[in-house]
N, C-alpha and C. Protein backbone atom coordinates (compact mmCIF):
# COMPACT_ATOMS: atom_id res chain seq x y z
N SER A 1 135.33 57.92 13.79
CA SER A 1 134.41 58.44 12.99
C SER A 1 132.76 57.89 13.56
N GLU A 2 131.77 58.46 13.24
CA GLU A 2 130.51 58.42 13.80
C GLU A 2 130.01 56.85 13.44
N MET A 3 130.34 56.19 12.53
CA MET A 3 130.20 54.82 12.21
C MET A 3 130.73 53.97 13.22
N TYR A 4 131.81 54.26 13.49
CA TYR A 4 132.72 53.50 14.53
C TYR A 4 132.13 53.71 15.76
N LYS A 5 131.62 54.71 16.30
CA LYS A 5 130.98 55.12 17.38
C LYS A 5 129.68 54.10 17.44
N GLU A 6 128.91 54.19 16.53
CA GLU A 6 127.64 53.52 16.45
C GLU A 6 127.86 51.98 16.41
N ARG A 7 128.82 51.42 15.67
CA ARG A 7 128.93 50.01 15.40
C ARG A 7 129.88 49.35 16.43
N VAL A 8 130.72 50.09 17.07
CA VAL A 8 131.72 49.39 18.16
C VAL A 8 131.61 50.03 19.55
N LEU A 9 131.54 51.11 19.68
CA LEU A 9 131.64 51.69 20.95
C LEU A 9 130.30 51.63 21.78
N LEU A 10 129.26 52.24 21.14
CA LEU A 10 127.96 52.11 21.87
C LEU A 10 127.40 50.73 22.07
N PRO A 11 127.57 49.69 21.20
CA PRO A 11 127.13 48.32 21.51
C PRO A 11 128.09 47.93 22.83
N ALA A 12 129.18 48.17 22.82
CA ALA A 12 130.09 47.68 23.88
C ALA A 12 129.61 48.26 25.24
N ILE A 13 129.24 49.60 25.22
CA ILE A 13 128.83 50.15 26.35
C ILE A 13 127.41 49.63 26.90
N ARG A 14 126.52 49.38 25.88
CA ARG A 14 125.20 48.78 26.12
C ARG A 14 125.39 47.32 26.81
N SER A 15 126.40 46.66 26.13
CA SER A 15 126.50 45.27 26.62
C SER A 15 127.07 45.28 28.05
N ALA A 16 128.07 46.21 28.26
CA ALA A 16 128.54 46.29 29.60
C ALA A 16 127.57 46.79 30.60
N ALA A 17 126.83 47.70 30.31
CA ALA A 17 125.60 48.12 31.04
C ALA A 17 124.72 47.07 31.49
N ARG A 18 124.16 46.32 30.46
CA ARG A 18 123.18 45.37 30.64
C ARG A 18 123.95 44.13 31.61
N SER A 19 125.13 43.89 31.36
CA SER A 19 125.75 42.82 32.28
C SER A 19 125.85 43.38 33.72
N VAL A 20 126.27 44.64 33.96
CA VAL A 20 126.46 45.27 35.33
C VAL A 20 125.06 45.45 35.94
N VAL A 21 124.09 46.05 35.15
CA VAL A 21 122.77 46.38 35.75
C VAL A 21 122.14 45.12 36.25
N GLY A 22 122.38 44.01 35.54
CA GLY A 22 121.67 42.69 35.81
C GLY A 22 122.19 42.05 37.23
N ARG A 23 123.26 42.50 37.90
CA ARG A 23 123.81 42.19 39.19
C ARG A 23 123.18 43.01 40.24
N TYR A 24 122.34 44.06 40.07
CA TYR A 24 121.78 44.85 41.06
C TYR A 24 120.43 44.64 41.12
N THR A 25 119.80 44.96 42.39
CA THR A 25 118.52 45.09 42.63
C THR A 25 117.84 46.40 42.06
N PRO A 26 116.66 46.47 41.70
CA PRO A 26 116.14 47.90 41.32
C PRO A 26 116.35 48.94 42.39
N GLU A 27 116.20 48.68 43.59
CA GLU A 27 116.36 49.56 44.64
C GLU A 27 117.83 50.22 44.52
N GLN A 28 118.78 49.33 44.35
CA GLN A 28 120.22 49.73 44.19
C GLN A 28 120.47 50.60 42.92
N LEU A 29 119.84 50.18 41.93
CA LEU A 29 119.82 51.00 40.75
C LEU A 29 119.28 52.46 40.78
N TYR A 30 118.15 52.49 41.50
CA TYR A 30 117.37 53.68 41.73
C TYR A 30 118.01 54.71 42.74
N SER A 31 118.75 54.03 43.72
CA SER A 31 119.03 55.05 44.65
C SER A 31 120.60 54.92 45.21
N SER A 32 120.98 53.89 45.92
CA SER A 32 122.17 53.76 46.64
C SER A 32 123.45 53.42 45.93
N LYS A 33 123.51 52.68 44.77
CA LYS A 33 124.78 52.25 44.20
C LYS A 33 125.12 52.92 42.93
N ARG A 34 124.59 53.99 42.64
CA ARG A 34 124.78 54.61 41.33
C ARG A 34 126.28 54.78 40.81
N ASP A 35 126.99 55.22 41.71
CA ASP A 35 128.48 55.35 41.60
C ASP A 35 129.15 54.12 41.18
N ALA A 36 128.88 53.23 41.91
CA ALA A 36 129.56 51.83 41.98
C ALA A 36 129.12 51.13 40.48
N ILE A 37 127.87 51.27 40.13
CA ILE A 37 127.38 50.97 38.90
C ILE A 37 128.07 51.48 37.75
N GLN A 38 128.21 52.84 37.78
CA GLN A 38 128.96 53.70 36.91
C GLN A 38 130.39 53.13 36.59
N GLN A 39 131.00 52.87 37.73
CA GLN A 39 132.51 52.58 37.64
C GLN A 39 132.70 51.03 37.04
N GLU A 40 131.50 50.21 37.48
CA GLU A 40 131.65 48.80 36.85
C GLU A 40 131.28 48.96 35.43
N ILE A 41 130.48 49.76 34.89
CA ILE A 41 130.28 49.75 33.50
C ILE A 41 131.44 50.31 32.74
N TYR A 42 132.16 51.22 33.36
CA TYR A 42 133.34 51.75 32.88
C TYR A 42 134.32 50.67 32.66
N GLU A 43 134.58 49.91 33.79
CA GLU A 43 135.68 48.83 33.69
C GLU A 43 135.41 47.77 32.63
N GLU A 44 134.15 47.34 32.57
CA GLU A 44 133.66 46.28 31.65
C GLU A 44 133.67 46.88 30.20
N THR A 45 133.36 48.12 30.05
CA THR A 45 133.44 48.60 28.63
C THR A 45 134.91 48.77 28.24
N LYS A 46 135.59 49.13 29.10
CA LYS A 46 137.15 49.36 28.85
C LYS A 46 137.74 47.97 28.56
N ASN A 47 137.31 46.89 29.06
CA ASN A 47 137.76 45.55 28.95
C ASN A 47 137.38 45.06 27.55
N ILE A 48 136.20 45.37 27.11
CA ILE A 48 135.75 45.06 25.85
C ILE A 48 136.39 45.69 24.81
N VAL A 49 136.68 46.99 24.78
CA VAL A 49 137.31 47.75 23.83
C VAL A 49 138.81 47.94 23.75
N ALA A 50 139.41 47.14 24.80
CA ALA A 50 140.76 47.36 25.03
C ALA A 50 141.79 46.94 23.85
N ASP A 51 141.12 45.73 23.10
CA ASP A 51 142.05 45.30 21.98
C ASP A 51 141.72 46.09 20.56
N GLN A 52 140.87 47.07 20.66
CA GLN A 52 140.43 47.78 19.42
C GLN A 52 141.19 49.19 19.46
N TYR A 53 142.06 49.44 20.21
CA TYR A 53 142.78 50.60 20.28
C TYR A 53 141.98 51.93 20.56
N ILE A 54 141.00 51.67 21.44
CA ILE A 54 140.18 52.82 21.99
C ILE A 54 140.52 53.19 23.37
N GLN A 55 140.78 54.48 23.57
CA GLN A 55 141.02 54.89 24.85
C GLN A 55 139.81 55.40 25.49
N LEU A 56 139.29 54.79 26.56
CA LEU A 56 138.11 55.12 27.19
C LEU A 56 138.41 55.81 28.54
N ASN A 57 138.11 57.16 28.58
CA ASN A 57 138.30 57.91 29.91
C ASN A 57 137.30 57.69 31.08
N GLU A 58 135.98 57.65 30.52
CA GLU A 58 134.98 57.70 31.64
C GLU A 58 133.70 57.26 31.00
N VAL A 59 132.75 56.63 31.69
CA VAL A 59 131.44 56.44 31.24
C VAL A 59 130.64 57.00 32.30
N LEU A 60 129.69 57.90 31.94
CA LEU A 60 128.79 58.59 32.93
C LEU A 60 127.44 57.95 32.68
N VAL A 61 126.69 57.69 33.79
CA VAL A 61 125.41 57.18 33.71
C VAL A 61 124.51 58.53 34.06
N ARG A 62 123.81 58.84 33.02
CA ARG A 62 123.07 60.25 33.10
C ARG A 62 121.82 59.85 33.79
N ASP A 63 121.13 58.92 33.42
CA ASP A 63 119.74 58.70 33.92
C ASP A 63 119.33 57.27 34.09
N VAL A 64 118.78 56.93 35.14
CA VAL A 64 118.30 55.45 35.25
C VAL A 64 116.70 55.54 35.24
N THR A 65 116.20 54.83 34.29
CA THR A 65 114.74 54.89 33.97
C THR A 65 114.32 53.61 34.22
N LEU A 66 113.39 53.46 35.22
CA LEU A 66 112.83 52.11 35.42
C LEU A 66 111.32 52.26 35.11
N PRO A 67 110.63 51.03 34.87
CA PRO A 67 109.25 51.07 34.62
C PRO A 67 108.53 51.61 35.77
N PRO A 68 107.45 52.46 35.62
CA PRO A 68 106.68 53.08 36.64
C PRO A 68 106.18 52.30 37.90
N THR A 69 105.83 51.02 37.70
CA THR A 69 105.46 50.04 38.74
C THR A 69 106.65 49.81 39.58
N ILE A 70 107.77 49.60 38.89
CA ILE A 70 109.02 49.12 39.78
C ILE A 70 109.29 50.51 40.53
N LYS A 71 109.40 51.52 39.95
CA LYS A 71 109.76 52.82 40.35
C LYS A 71 108.82 53.27 41.63
N ASP A 72 107.62 53.05 41.52
CA ASP A 72 106.53 53.36 42.61
C ASP A 72 106.76 52.51 43.74
N ALA A 73 107.02 51.12 43.51
CA ALA A 73 107.27 50.25 44.44
C ALA A 73 108.43 50.51 45.37
N ILE A 74 109.62 50.94 44.69
CA ILE A 74 110.79 51.34 45.19
C ILE A 74 110.47 52.54 46.18
N GLU A 75 109.89 53.60 45.57
CA GLU A 75 109.60 54.81 46.49
C GLU A 75 108.70 54.42 47.56
N ARG A 76 107.60 53.49 47.50
CA ARG A 76 106.97 53.08 48.64
C ARG A 76 107.93 52.41 49.64
N LYS A 77 108.68 51.56 49.19
CA LYS A 77 109.63 50.82 50.09
C LYS A 77 110.54 51.75 50.84
N LEU A 78 111.22 52.69 50.14
CA LEU A 78 111.95 53.61 50.75
C LEU A 78 111.30 54.47 51.76
N LYS A 79 110.04 54.89 51.48
CA LYS A 79 109.20 55.67 52.44
C LYS A 79 109.10 54.90 53.59
N GLN A 80 108.70 53.61 53.51
CA GLN A 80 108.39 52.77 54.69
C GLN A 80 109.58 52.60 55.42
N GLU A 81 110.70 52.47 54.78
CA GLU A 81 112.05 52.29 55.59
C GLU A 81 112.34 53.47 56.40
N GLN A 82 111.94 54.73 55.72
CA GLN A 82 112.19 55.88 56.44
C GLN A 82 111.33 56.02 57.71
N GLU A 83 110.02 55.72 57.56
CA GLU A 83 109.10 55.77 58.49
C GLU A 83 109.48 54.77 59.66
N SER A 84 109.90 53.50 59.30
CA SER A 84 110.41 52.59 60.23
C SER A 84 111.67 53.14 61.14
N LEU A 85 112.50 53.67 60.47
CA LEU A 85 113.67 54.42 61.18
C LEU A 85 113.19 55.49 62.01
N GLU A 86 112.35 56.24 61.63
CA GLU A 86 111.64 57.41 62.46
C GLU A 86 110.91 56.79 63.73
N TYR A 87 110.18 55.65 63.51
CA TYR A 87 109.57 55.02 64.64
C TYR A 87 110.65 54.34 65.57
N GLU A 88 111.53 53.86 65.06
CA GLU A 88 112.69 53.23 65.90
C GLU A 88 113.30 54.30 66.76
N PHE A 89 113.48 55.58 66.17
CA PHE A 89 114.14 56.69 66.86
C PHE A 89 113.19 57.23 67.90
N ARG A 90 111.91 57.28 67.67
CA ARG A 90 110.96 57.70 68.66
C ARG A 90 110.86 56.69 69.85
N LEU A 91 110.90 55.51 69.43
CA LEU A 91 110.96 54.38 70.69
C LEU A 91 112.22 54.44 71.48
N VAL A 92 113.26 54.77 70.91
CA VAL A 92 114.66 54.89 71.62
C VAL A 92 114.54 56.08 72.64
N THR A 93 113.85 57.19 71.90
CA THR A 93 113.87 58.50 72.66
C THR A 93 113.02 58.26 74.00
N ALA A 94 111.74 57.71 73.72
CA ALA A 94 110.78 57.42 74.60
C ALA A 94 111.43 56.56 75.97
N GLN A 95 112.17 55.68 75.46
CA GLN A 95 112.92 54.56 76.34
C GLN A 95 113.86 55.40 77.15
N LYS A 96 114.56 56.27 76.63
CA LYS A 96 115.62 57.03 77.36
C LYS A 96 114.91 58.09 78.34
N GLU A 97 113.88 58.78 77.76
CA GLU A 97 113.10 59.41 78.73
C GLU A 97 112.46 58.81 79.90
N ALA A 98 111.97 57.70 79.58
CA ALA A 98 111.40 56.72 80.87
C ALA A 98 112.63 56.39 81.70
N GLU A 99 113.77 56.10 81.16
CA GLU A 99 114.94 55.75 82.20
C GLU A 99 115.20 56.95 83.04
N LYS A 100 115.24 58.12 82.34
CA LYS A 100 115.53 59.43 82.93
C LYS A 100 114.61 59.68 84.20
N GLN A 101 113.43 59.43 83.92
CA GLN A 101 112.36 59.74 84.84
C GLN A 101 112.64 58.81 86.08
N ILE A 102 112.80 57.36 85.72
CA ILE A 102 113.03 56.42 86.73
C ILE A 102 114.23 56.85 87.67
N ILE A 103 115.30 57.32 86.94
CA ILE A 103 116.65 57.72 87.92
C ILE A 103 116.21 58.93 88.64
N GLU A 104 115.51 59.95 88.22
CA GLU A 104 115.01 60.93 89.02
C GLU A 104 114.11 60.62 90.09
N ALA A 105 113.12 59.73 89.91
CA ALA A 105 112.33 59.22 90.98
C ALA A 105 113.13 58.50 92.12
N GLN A 106 114.15 57.75 91.73
CA GLN A 106 114.96 56.91 92.68
C GLN A 106 115.74 58.00 93.57
N GLY A 107 116.21 58.97 92.78
CA GLY A 107 117.06 59.96 93.51
C GLY A 107 116.09 60.68 94.64
N LYS A 108 114.91 61.14 94.23
CA LYS A 108 113.95 61.76 95.22
C LYS A 108 113.56 60.79 96.19
N ALA A 109 113.37 59.58 95.92
CA ALA A 109 112.97 58.51 96.95
C ALA A 109 114.19 58.35 97.97
N ASP A 110 115.34 58.38 97.49
CA ASP A 110 116.43 58.21 98.33
C ASP A 110 116.70 59.37 99.32
N ALA A 111 116.35 60.62 98.60
CA ALA A 111 116.52 61.79 99.45
C ALA A 111 115.45 61.72 100.52
N ASN A 112 114.38 61.34 100.17
CA ASN A 112 113.16 61.25 101.22
C ASN A 112 113.48 60.36 102.28
N ARG A 113 113.99 59.23 101.90
CA ARG A 113 114.35 58.23 102.91
C ARG A 113 115.33 58.78 103.84
N ILE A 114 116.36 59.46 103.36
CA ILE A 114 117.58 60.03 104.21
C ILE A 114 116.84 61.18 105.16
N LEU A 115 115.94 62.06 104.61
CA LEU A 115 115.31 63.04 105.36
C LEU A 115 114.46 62.43 106.45
N SER A 116 113.71 61.47 106.00
CA SER A 116 112.81 60.88 107.02
C SER A 116 113.48 60.26 108.20
N ALA A 117 114.71 59.53 107.87
CA ALA A 117 115.56 58.95 108.96
C ALA A 117 116.16 59.91 109.80
N SER A 118 116.37 61.13 109.39
CA SER A 118 117.01 62.20 110.32
C SER A 118 115.96 63.00 111.16
N LEU A 119 114.64 63.04 110.65
CA LEU A 119 113.75 63.79 111.46
C LEU A 119 113.19 63.00 112.65
N THR A 120 113.28 63.68 113.82
CA THR A 120 112.71 63.22 115.08
C THR A 120 111.52 63.89 115.37
N ASP A 121 110.76 63.67 116.50
CA ASP A 121 109.66 64.34 116.84
C ASP A 121 110.11 65.77 117.47
N LYS A 122 111.29 65.61 118.12
CA LYS A 122 111.85 66.84 118.77
C LYS A 122 112.08 67.81 117.70
N ILE A 123 112.92 67.50 116.70
CA ILE A 123 113.27 68.37 115.57
C ILE A 123 111.91 69.04 114.85
N LEU A 124 111.01 68.09 114.63
CA LEU A 124 109.64 68.66 114.12
C LEU A 124 109.16 69.56 114.96
N GLN A 125 109.05 69.39 116.26
CA GLN A 125 108.31 70.21 117.21
C GLN A 125 109.28 71.59 117.05
N ASP A 126 110.47 71.66 117.09
CA ASP A 126 111.21 72.79 117.16
C ASP A 126 110.87 73.49 116.03
N LYS A 127 110.76 72.79 114.78
CA LYS A 127 110.46 73.61 113.34
C LYS A 127 109.05 74.22 113.57
N GLY A 128 108.23 73.44 114.24
CA GLY A 128 107.01 73.82 114.20
C GLY A 128 106.75 75.19 115.14
N ILE A 129 107.61 75.18 116.27
CA ILE A 129 107.85 76.36 117.16
C ILE A 129 108.29 77.47 116.33
N GLU A 130 109.42 77.29 115.62
CA GLU A 130 110.05 78.43 114.81
C GLU A 130 108.99 79.05 113.72
N ALA A 131 108.27 78.18 113.06
CA ALA A 131 107.34 78.60 112.23
C ALA A 131 106.20 79.37 112.82
N THR A 132 105.77 79.00 114.15
CA THR A 132 104.71 79.80 114.84
C THR A 132 105.16 81.06 115.32
N MET A 133 106.53 81.21 115.70
CA MET A 133 107.08 82.46 116.14
C MET A 133 107.21 83.47 114.84
N LYS A 134 107.38 82.98 113.81
CA LYS A 134 107.50 83.86 112.51
C LYS A 134 106.10 84.30 112.35
N LEU A 135 105.29 83.43 112.38
CA LEU A 135 103.86 83.70 112.21
C LEU A 135 103.26 84.84 113.19
N ALA A 136 103.68 84.53 114.45
CA ALA A 136 103.24 85.54 115.40
C ALA A 136 103.71 86.98 115.32
N GLU A 137 104.92 86.92 114.70
CA GLU A 137 105.59 88.49 114.41
C GLU A 137 105.14 88.98 113.22
N SER A 138 104.33 88.24 112.45
CA SER A 138 103.80 88.82 111.26
C SER A 138 102.77 89.94 111.54
N PRO A 139 102.67 91.08 110.92
CA PRO A 139 101.62 92.09 111.07
C PRO A 139 100.27 91.58 110.65
N ASN A 140 100.14 90.35 110.02
CA ASN A 140 98.87 90.05 109.44
C ASN A 140 98.25 89.08 110.56
N SER A 141 98.92 88.61 111.63
CA SER A 141 98.25 87.54 112.47
C SER A 141 97.31 88.41 113.37
N LYS A 142 96.17 87.69 113.81
CA LYS A 142 95.14 88.30 114.54
C LYS A 142 94.78 87.43 115.69
N VAL A 143 94.51 86.13 115.61
CA VAL A 143 93.91 85.25 116.74
C VAL A 143 94.95 84.13 116.92
N VAL A 144 95.19 83.91 118.26
CA VAL A 144 96.12 82.76 118.58
C VAL A 144 95.30 81.83 119.24
N VAL A 145 95.39 80.61 118.75
CA VAL A 145 94.62 79.35 119.40
C VAL A 145 95.73 78.70 119.95
N ILE A 146 95.70 78.29 121.21
CA ILE A 146 96.97 77.63 121.87
C ILE A 146 96.59 76.13 121.66
N GLY A 147 97.64 75.39 121.35
CA GLY A 147 97.79 73.86 121.27
C GLY A 147 96.56 73.30 120.88
N SER A 148 96.56 71.92 120.35
CA SER A 148 95.46 71.13 120.15
C SER A 148 95.48 69.74 120.68
N GLY A 149 96.49 69.52 121.56
CA GLY A 149 96.82 68.17 122.17
C GLY A 149 97.99 68.52 123.24
N LYS A 150 98.48 67.20 123.55
CA LYS A 150 99.60 67.37 124.64
C LYS A 150 100.86 67.98 124.14
N ASP A 151 101.20 67.72 122.72
CA ASP A 151 102.33 68.38 122.21
C ASP A 151 101.98 69.35 120.96
N GLY A 152 100.80 69.85 121.16
CA GLY A 152 100.22 70.56 120.11
C GLY A 152 100.78 71.95 120.09
N LEU A 153 101.04 72.70 118.89
CA LEU A 153 101.75 73.95 118.80
C LEU A 153 100.57 74.99 118.55
N PRO A 154 100.92 76.29 119.02
CA PRO A 154 99.88 77.18 118.86
C PRO A 154 99.38 77.52 117.48
N LEU A 155 98.28 77.92 117.28
CA LEU A 155 97.83 78.25 115.76
C LEU A 155 97.38 79.60 115.73
N ILE A 156 98.03 80.36 115.06
CA ILE A 156 97.79 81.97 114.89
C ILE A 156 96.88 82.18 113.76
N LEU A 157 95.65 82.83 114.16
CA LEU A 157 94.70 83.08 113.04
C LEU A 157 94.54 84.55 112.96
N GLY A 158 94.98 85.48 113.70
CA GLY A 158 94.92 86.94 113.59
C GLY A 158 95.25 87.71 114.75
N ASN A 159 95.26 88.99 114.75
CA ASN A 159 95.68 89.71 115.92
C ASN A 159 94.60 90.87 116.35
N ASN A 160 93.45 90.98 116.04
CA ASN A 160 92.50 91.95 116.39
C ASN A 160 92.07 91.55 117.75
């Protein structure tokens, strides 16, 4: 009957709820532990009414209402935690990017060292002659200035 619900069942649920809620922080109540809290309230209520021949199938927590100051503080804290996680992610990303740039720079430096070690004056002179020949064959070449020193290569300025 309705009286039985008001005098036995609801006080048992309220008692269990107060007992369980007292074990959690406001942050846990407001966000992360809602399912666990609901299950604990169900278990405690079931234990309270077990000897009164009441079959309890489920206790559902419909709404958690906290005082506005606590709610605001929790929301600020959650926002700060999110910003902190975002900042840490940006730091990790920047660190990875810096490591990538260092690896690329080391690769280029190694390649330059290998190239420098393989280049001789004779190879450079041959490359210069090849470039001069290509330039001389170009229809845009107009003036040829021959050498600038003992091993200087010709400089082609035009063909008029």
